[in-house]
Protein backbone atom coordinates (compact mmCIF):
# COMPACT_ATOMS: atom_id res chain seq x y z
CA MET A 1 12.82 51.43 -13.39
CA GLY A 2 10.25 53.78 -11.46
CA THR A 3 10.24 54.01 -8.05
CA PHE A 4 7.12 54.77 -5.86
CA ARG A 5 6.40 55.33 -2.57
CA THR A 6 3.13 53.53 -1.10
CA ASP A 7 0.75 55.75 1.16
CA LEU A 8 1.10 53.14 4.33
CA VAL A 9 3.07 50.47 5.24
CA VAL A 10 2.24 48.90 8.93
CA ASP A 11 4.19 46.96 11.22
CA ASP A 12 6.65 45.97 8.31
CA THR A 13 2.88 43.38 7.68
CA VAL A 14 -0.32 45.29 6.19
CA LEU A 15 0.25 47.92 2.65
CA LEU A 16 -2.41 50.52 3.02
CA GLU A 17 -4.16 51.94 0.32
CA LEU A 18 -5.85 55.25 0.70
CA ASN A 19 -8.09 56.35 -1.66
CA THR A 20 -10.69 59.62 -1.79
CA SER A 21 -13.35 58.16 -4.44
CA PRO A 22 -16.84 58.16 -5.69
CA GLN A 23 -15.93 54.52 -4.74
CA LEU A 24 -13.85 51.53 -5.24
CA GLU A 25 -13.39 50.81 -8.17
CA PRO A 26 -11.07 47.76 -10.18
CA SER A 27 -8.32 49.56 -10.75
CA ASP A 28 -7.34 50.25 -6.81
CA ALA A 29 -7.28 47.04 -6.54
CA ALA A 30 -5.25 46.01 -8.75
CA GLN A 31 -3.04 49.17 -8.13
CA THR A 32 -3.21 47.52 -4.44
CA LEU A 33 -1.81 44.24 -6.00
CA ASN A 34 1.17 46.02 -8.15
CA ALA A 35 2.61 47.76 -5.13
CA LEU A 36 2.19 43.87 -2.87
CA ARG A 37 4.23 42.85 -5.96
CA ALA A 38 6.65 45.60 -6.08
CA THR A 39 7.29 45.75 -1.66
CA GLY A 40 6.48 41.90 -1.41
CA LEU A 41 4.34 41.61 1.07
CA GLN A 42 1.36 39.67 1.17
CA VAL A 43 -1.21 41.95 3.22
CA GLY A 44 -2.93 44.88 1.02
CA LEU A 45 -6.03 46.98 2.37
CA VAL A 46 -7.71 49.32 -0.07
CA LEU A 47 -9.76 51.93 2.71
CA ASN A 48 -11.63 54.08 0.16
CA LEU A 49 -12.65 57.90 2.66
CA GLY A 50 -15.15 59.02 -0.24
CA PRO A 51 -19.01 59.51 -0.03
CA ARG A 52 -19.10 55.61 -0.40
CA PRO A 53 -16.69 54.18 1.82
CA GLY A 54 -15.61 50.85 1.75
CA ILE A 55 -12.54 48.14 2.22
CA ARG A 56 -10.80 45.76 0.39
CA ARG A 57 -8.47 43.38 1.50
CA LEU A 58 -5.83 42.29 -0.92
CA ILE A 59 -4.08 38.81 -0.10
CA ALA A 60 -0.49 38.56 -2.64
CA THR A 61 0.96 34.99 -3.03
CA GLY A 62 4.35 34.10 -4.21
CA ARG A 63 7.80 33.74 -3.94
CA GLN A 64 8.71 37.50 -3.65
CA CYS A 65 6.78 37.86 -0.47
CA ARG A 66 8.69 39.55 2.56
CA GLY A 67 9.10 39.31 5.68
CA PRO A 68 8.14 41.09 9.10
CA HIS A 69 11.41 42.99 9.64
CA ASP A 70 12.68 43.62 5.92
CA ASN A 71 12.59 47.18 5.78
CA ASN A 72 13.21 50.13 2.74
CA HIS A 73 9.92 51.22 1.96
CA ASP A 74 11.32 55.16 0.84
CA ALA A 75 11.85 54.14 -2.77
CA ILE A 76 11.55 50.05 -3.68
CA PRO A 77 11.88 49.17 -8.44
CA ARG A 78 7.99 48.48 -10.79
CA GLY A 79 7.69 45.52 -11.70
CA SER A 80 8.50 42.74 -9.25
CA ALA A 81 7.47 40.04 -9.81
CA ALA A 82 5.22 37.15 -8.33
CA ASP A 83 2.06 36.02 -8.21
CA ALA A 84 -0.81 38.08 -6.98
CA ARG A 85 -4.27 37.19 -5.75
CA SER A 86 -7.21 38.97 -4.29
CA SER A 87 -9.85 38.34 -1.70
CA ALA A 88 -12.29 40.46 -1.01
């Protein structure tokens, strides 16, 4: 199993992924949903700060959602299984 670090977690509640590509791509949402599954957080935002700025909100639902006071964002194993669904 590998590890990863998120770009930013706000108040142990919202995962932020920062991007500087020309525009938001479907792979950006997929990466954030995978990070939500791995962390157990429910809400993620993808912020594109490139030439075409944009924001995409993603919501994960499932059994492994974390509470607001759970810690340990430093090294989180990849691949935990939670169902996820996105909305823009």
